[in-house]
C-alpha atoms as a PDB file:
ATOM      1  CA  UNK A   1      41.559 -13.578  23.303  1.00  0.00           C
ATOM      2  CA  UNK A   2      44.922 -14.721  21.979  1.00  0.00           C
ATOM      3  CA  UNK A   3      45.056 -15.389  18.256  1.00  0.00           C
ATOM      4  CA  UNK A   4      46.547 -18.785  17.367  1.00  0.00           C
ATOM      5  CA  UNK A   5      47.686 -19.854  13.903  1.00  0.00           C
ATOM      6  CA  UNK A   6      48.799 -23.065  12.228  1.00  0.00           C
ATOM      7  CA  UNK A   7      52.512 -23.195  11.435  1.00  0.00           C
ATOM      8  CA  UNK A   8      53.700 -23.962   7.898  1.00  0.00           C
ATOM      9  CA  UNK A   9      57.015 -24.624   6.217  1.00  0.00           C
ATOM     10  CA  UNK A  10      58.253 -22.804   3.113  1.00  0.00           C
ATOM     11  CA  UNK A  11      56.340 -25.229   0.864  1.00  0.00           C
ATOM     12  CA  UNK A  12      53.019 -24.669   2.691  1.00  0.00           C
ATOM     13  CA  UNK A  13      53.121 -27.998   4.489  1.00  0.00           C
ATOM     14  CA  UNK A  14      51.343 -27.687   7.829  1.00  0.00           C
ATOM     15  CA  UNK A  15      53.598 -28.338  10.806  1.00  0.00           C
ATOM     16  CA  UNK A  16      52.466 -30.165  13.973  1.00  0.00           C
ATOM     17  CA  UNK A  17      52.510 -27.124  16.281  1.00  0.00           C
ATOM     18  CA  UNK A  18      50.855 -23.721  16.582  1.00  0.00           C
ATOM     19  CA  UNK A  19      52.032 -20.123  16.463  1.00  0.00           C
ATOM     20  CA  UNK A  20      50.738 -17.337  18.715  1.00  0.00           C
ATOM     21  CA  UNK A  21      50.210 -13.738  17.562  1.00  0.00           C
ATOM     22  CA  UNK A  22      52.805 -11.502  19.161  1.00  0.00           C
ATOM     23  CA  UNK A  23      55.337 -14.275  19.710  1.00  0.00           C
ATOM     24  CA  UNK A  24      58.386 -14.601  17.476  1.00  0.00           C
ATOM     25  CA  UNK A  25      57.859 -17.029  14.622  1.00  0.00           C
ATOM     26  CA  UNK A  26      60.757 -19.506  14.498  1.00  0.00           C
ATOM     27  CA  UNK A  27      63.053 -19.194  11.498  1.00  0.00           C
ATOM     28  CA  UNK A  28      61.908 -21.255   8.528  1.00  0.00           C
ATOM     29  CA  UNK A  29      58.297 -21.237   9.680  1.00  0.00           C
ATOM     30  CA  UNK A  30      55.371 -19.275   8.306  1.00  0.00           C
ATOM     31  CA  UNK A  31      51.781 -18.405   9.052  1.00  0.00           C
ATOM     32  CA  UNK A  32      48.983 -18.016   6.516  1.00  0.00           C
ATOM     33  CA  UNK A  33      47.234 -14.722   5.709  1.00  0.00           C
ATOM     34  CA  UNK A  34      44.450 -13.757   3.337  1.00  0.00           C
ATOM     35  CA  UNK A  35      43.776 -10.576   1.386  1.00  0.00           C
ATOM     36  CA  UNK A  36      40.406 -10.071  -0.270  1.00  0.00           C
ATOM     37  CA  UNK A  37      40.080  -7.767  -3.257  1.00  0.00           C
ATOM     38  CA  UNK A  38      36.435  -6.642  -3.310  1.00  0.00           C
ATOM     39  CA  UNK A  39      34.887  -5.875  -6.682  1.00  0.00           C
ATOM     40  CA  UNK A  40      31.385  -4.478  -6.959  1.00  0.00           C
ATOM     41  CA  UNK A  41      29.257  -5.937  -9.747  1.00  0.00           C
ATOM     42  CA  UNK A  42      29.618  -2.565 -11.542  1.00  0.00           C
ATOM     43  CA  UNK A  43      33.403  -3.120 -11.702  1.00  0.00           C
ATOM     44  CA  UNK A  44      34.544  -0.693  -8.976  1.00  0.00           C
ATOM     45  CA  UNK A  45      37.147  -1.865  -6.449  1.00  0.00           C
ATOM     46  CA  UNK A  46      36.826  -1.248  -2.693  1.00  0.00           C
ATOM     47  CA  UNK A  47      39.697   0.377  -0.805  1.00  0.00           C
ATOM     48  CA  UNK A  48      39.654   0.540   2.996  1.00  0.00           C
ATOM     49  CA  UNK A  49      41.853   2.929   4.986  1.00  0.00           C
ATOM     50  CA  UNK A  50      43.602   1.472   8.015  1.00  0.00           C
ATOM     51  CA  UNK A  51      42.758   3.273  11.229  1.00  0.00           C
ATOM     52  CA  UNK A  52      45.066   5.966  12.583  1.00  0.00           C
ATOM     53  CA  UNK A  53      45.051   3.880  15.787  1.00  0.00           C
ATOM     54  CA  UNK A  54      46.829   0.938  14.123  1.00  0.00           C
ATOM     55  CA  UNK A  55      50.415   0.535  15.296  1.00  0.00           C
ATOM     56  CA  UNK A  56      51.540  -0.693  11.870  1.00  0.00           C
ATOM     57  CA  UNK A  57      50.755   0.994   8.563  1.00  0.00           C
ATOM     58  CA  UNK A  58      48.179   3.439   9.935  1.00  0.00           C
ATOM     59  CA  UNK A  59      46.531   5.447   7.163  1.00  0.00           C
ATOM     60  CA  UNK A  60      47.476   2.909   4.487  1.00  0.00           C
ATOM     61  CA  UNK A  61      44.854   1.923   1.949  1.00  0.00           C
ATOM     62  CA  UNK A  62      44.278  -1.732   1.248  1.00  0.00           C
ATOM     63  CA  UNK A  63      41.873  -3.431  -1.040  1.00  0.00           C
ATOM     64  CA  UNK A  64      38.922  -4.935   0.758  1.00  0.00           C
ATOM     65  CA  UNK A  65      39.899  -6.926   3.791  1.00  0.00           C
ATOM     66  CA  UNK A  66      42.528  -9.255   5.119  1.00  0.00           C
ATOM     67  CA  UNK A  67      44.143 -10.895   8.071  1.00  0.00           C
ATOM     68  CA  UNK A  68      45.565 -14.064   9.516  1.00  0.00           C
ATOM     69  CA  UNK A  69      44.048 -17.500   9.063  1.00  0.00           C
ATOM     70  CA  UNK A  70      43.217 -18.906  12.498  1.00  0.00           C
ATOM     71  CA  UNK A  71      44.304 -22.371  13.629  1.00  0.00           C
ATOM     72  CA  UNK A  72      41.985 -25.005  12.188  1.00  0.00           C
ATOM     73  CA  UNK A  73      40.512 -22.581   9.654  1.00  0.00           C
ATOM     74  CA  UNK A  74      40.956 -22.899   5.897  1.00  0.00           C
ATOM     75  CA  UNK A  75      42.008 -19.963   3.771  1.00  0.00           C
ATOM     76  CA  UNK A  76      38.657 -19.308   2.056  1.00  0.00           C
ATOM     77  CA  UNK A  77      36.756 -19.451   5.356  1.00  0.00           C
ATOM     78  CA  UNK A  78      39.211 -16.909   6.770  1.00  0.00           C
ATOM     79  CA  UNK A  79      38.746 -14.685   3.716  1.00  0.00           C
ATOM     80  CA  UNK A  80      34.969 -14.695   4.174  1.00  0.00           C
ATOM     81  CA  UNK A  81      35.304 -14.074   7.932  1.00  0.00           C
ATOM     82  CA  UNK A  82      37.740 -11.184   7.508  1.00  0.00           C
ATOM     83  CA  UNK A  83      35.589  -9.622   4.786  1.00  0.00           C
ATOM     84  CA  UNK A  84      32.484  -9.711   6.993  1.00  0.00           C
ATOM     85  CA  UNK A  85      34.346  -8.518  10.115  1.00  0.00           C
ATOM     86  CA  UNK A  86      36.134  -5.642   8.410  1.00  0.00           C
ATOM     87  CA  UNK A  87      33.512  -4.443   5.903  1.00  0.00           C
ATOM     88  CA  UNK A  88      30.190  -6.054   6.793  1.00  0.00           C
ATOM     89  CA  UNK A  89      29.958  -7.329   3.217  1.00  0.00           C
ATOM     90  CA  UNK A  90      28.822 -10.812   2.188  1.00  0.00           C
ATOM     91  CA  UNK A  91      30.019 -11.671  -1.335  1.00  0.00           C
ATOM     92  CA  UNK A  92      27.959 -13.187  -4.122  1.00  0.00           C
ATOM     93  CA  UNK A  93      31.065 -15.123  -5.163  1.00  0.00           C
ATOM     94  CA  UNK A  94      34.685 -15.542  -4.141  1.00  0.00           C
ATOM     95  CA  UNK A  95      37.662 -17.032  -5.975  1.00  0.00           C
ATOM     96  CA  UNK A  96      41.344 -17.546  -5.292  1.00  0.00           C
ATOM     97  CA  UNK A  97      43.483 -15.216  -7.433  1.00  0.00           C
ATOM     98  CA  UNK A  98      47.026 -15.980  -6.346  1.00  0.00           C
ATOM     99  CA  UNK A  99      49.201 -17.520  -3.640  1.00  0.00           C
ATOM    100  CA  UNK A 100      52.552 -15.965  -2.750  1.00  0.00           C
ATOM    101  CA  UNK A 101      55.125 -16.332  -0.020  1.00  0.00           C
ATOM    102  CA  UNK A 102      56.869 -13.465   1.725  1.00  0.00           C
ATOM    103  CA  UNK A 103      59.982 -14.913   3.343  1.00  0.00           C
ATOM    104  CA  UNK A 104      60.788 -11.592   5.049  1.00  0.00           C
ATOM    105  CA  UNK A 105      57.294 -11.471   6.619  1.00  0.00           C
ATOM    106  CA  UNK A 106      57.304 -15.220   7.338  1.00  0.00           C
ATOM    107  CA  UNK A 107      53.887 -15.366   5.751  1.00  0.00           C
ATOM    108  CA  UNK A 108      52.104 -17.222   2.985  1.00  0.00           C
ATOM    109  CA  UNK A 109      49.499 -14.954   1.375  1.00  0.00           C
ATOM    110  CA  UNK A 110      46.342 -16.126  -0.381  1.00  0.00           C
ATOM    111  CA  UNK A 111      44.748 -13.396  -2.491  1.00  0.00           C
ATOM    112  CA  UNK A 112      41.030 -13.665  -3.252  1.00  0.00           C
ATOM    113  CA  UNK A 113      38.573 -11.716  -5.349  1.00  0.00           C
ATOM    114  CA  UNK A 114      35.085 -11.314  -3.879  1.00  0.00           C
ATOM    115  CA  UNK A 115      32.241  -9.941  -5.990  1.00  0.00           C
ATOM    116  CA  UNK A 116      29.447  -8.062  -4.223  1.00  0.00           C
ATOM    117  CA  UNK A 117      26.164  -6.602  -5.457  1.00  0.00           C
ATOM    118  CA  UNK A 118      25.043  -4.883  -2.255  1.00  0.00           C
ATOM    119  CA  UNK A 119      24.597  -1.131  -1.885  1.00  0.00           C
ATOM    120  CA  UNK A 120      28.044   0.497  -1.830  1.00  0.00           C
ATOM    121  CA  UNK A 121      27.013   2.550   1.197  1.00  0.00           C
ATOM    122  CA  UNK A 122      26.569  -0.614   3.291  1.00  0.00           C
ATOM    123  CA  UNK A 123      30.310  -0.858   3.981  1.00  0.00           C
ATOM    124  CA  UNK A 124      30.954  -0.665   7.701  1.00  0.00           C
ATOM    125  CA  UNK A 125      34.174  -0.161   9.632  1.00  0.00           C
ATOM    126  CA  UNK A 126      35.706  -2.458  12.216  1.00  0.00           C
ATOM    127  CA  UNK A 127      36.534  -0.365  15.281  1.00  0.00           C
ATOM    128  CA  UNK A 128      40.279   0.128  15.591  1.00  0.00           C
ATOM    129  CA  UNK A 129      40.939  -1.458  12.192  1.00  0.00           C
ATOM    130  CA  UNK A 130      39.509   0.836   9.511  1.00  0.00           C
ATOM    131  CA  UNK A 131      38.134   4.371   9.432  1.00  0.00           C
ATOM    132  CA  UNK A 132      37.314   5.213   5.795  1.00  0.00           C
ATOM    133  CA  UNK A 133      36.634   3.616   2.429  1.00  0.00           C
ATOM    134  CA  UNK A 134      36.173   4.430  -1.222  1.00  0.00           C
ATOM    135  CA  UNK A 135      35.119   2.634  -4.367  1.00  0.00           C
ATOM    136  CA  UNK A 136      37.285   3.270  -7.412  1.00  0.00           C
ATOM    137  CA  UNK A 137      36.746   2.428 -11.076  1.00  0.00           C
ATOM    138  CA  UNK A 138      39.586   0.428 -12.621  1.00  0.00           C
ATOM    139  CA  UNK A 139      40.702   3.437 -14.664  1.00  0.00           C
ATOM    140  CA  UNK A 140      41.513   5.427 -11.499  1.00  0.00           C
ATOM    141  CA  UNK A 141      43.402   2.716  -9.618  1.00  0.00           C
ATOM    142  CA  UNK A 142      46.898   3.164 -11.153  1.00  0.00           C
ATOM    143  CA  UNK A 143      47.039   6.851 -10.178  1.00  0.00           C
ATOM    144  CA  UNK A 144      45.504   6.161  -6.757  1.00  0.00           C
ATOM    145  CA  UNK A 145      48.000   3.472  -5.744  1.00  0.00           C
ATOM    146  CA  UNK A 146      50.899   5.704  -6.781  1.00  0.00           C
ATOM    147  CA  UNK A 147      49.650   8.733  -4.836  1.00  0.00           C
ATOM    148  CA  UNK A 148      48.386   7.056  -1.638  1.00  0.00           C
ATOM    149  CA  UNK A 149      50.110   4.748   0.845  1.00  0.00           C
ATOM    150  CA  UNK A 150      49.333   1.165  -0.198  1.00  0.00           C
ATOM    151  CA  UNK A 151      50.960  -2.200   0.465  1.00  0.00           C
ATOM    152  CA  UNK A 152      53.544  -3.173  -2.164  1.00  0.00           C
ATOM    153  CA  UNK A 153      52.256  -6.746  -2.510  1.00  0.00           C
ATOM    154  CA  UNK A 154      48.729  -5.423  -3.125  1.00  0.00           C
ATOM    155  CA  UNK A 155      50.048  -2.910  -5.671  1.00  0.00           C
ATOM    156  CA  UNK A 156      51.675  -5.777  -7.585  1.00  0.00           C
ATOM    157  CA  UNK A 157      48.458  -7.815  -7.536  1.00  0.00           C
ATOM    158  CA  UNK A 158      46.426  -4.832  -8.760  1.00  0.00           C
ATOM    159  CA  UNK A 159      48.925  -4.013 -11.506  1.00  0.00           C
ATOM    160  CA  UNK A 160      48.815  -7.613 -12.767  1.00  0.00           C
ATOM    161  CA  UNK A 161      45.044  -7.823 -12.431  1.00  0.00           C
ATOM    162  CA  UNK A 162      44.117  -4.550 -14.147  1.00  0.00           C
ATOM    163  CA  UNK A 163      47.087  -4.386 -16.494  1.00  0.00           C
END
C-alpha cells in the first residue's frame, strides 16, 4: 500500500494537496514525521536498532519509534501508532517535547516522550524495521550515543533533555 502524507509549507501550514512516499517532494514543501522517546517508569530510555535490511541508516540506534504522519492523521496519533507498530508498547502517558524543521530533509519533526510501565522484555520488533533493543539508564546515554551510530537530531534532543 502506498503511503500518502499531507503537504506542509515551511511554517507548518497544511497545503491543499498530498505527497506520496518515494516521489520527490517539491521544493519549499515538507512532510511531517514523529519520533517517540520511550522512557520506562524506572527512568531508563529505550533504544531500538534499525534492521540490517533497511536501505537507509541500517544498524543505527534510535530512541523508541518514529515515522511519517499519514494523510489525515494528527501528530500524536501517528506517534502512538508508530510506537505500537515498532515496539508493541502502549504508553501510560505521552507528551510533546519539541518541534523542529529540517529544511534539508524537507521534514517537520515532532518529538514526543512516552512513559511506559510494562515489562521491559515485552518490546517486540517490526519485521524489516528493527532487530534489537536495549534499555539504558540516563547516566550511560552520553557515552552510548558517542560510540554507536545514532541520528544527529536525536542526539541533540537527548543532550538537551538529559543535560
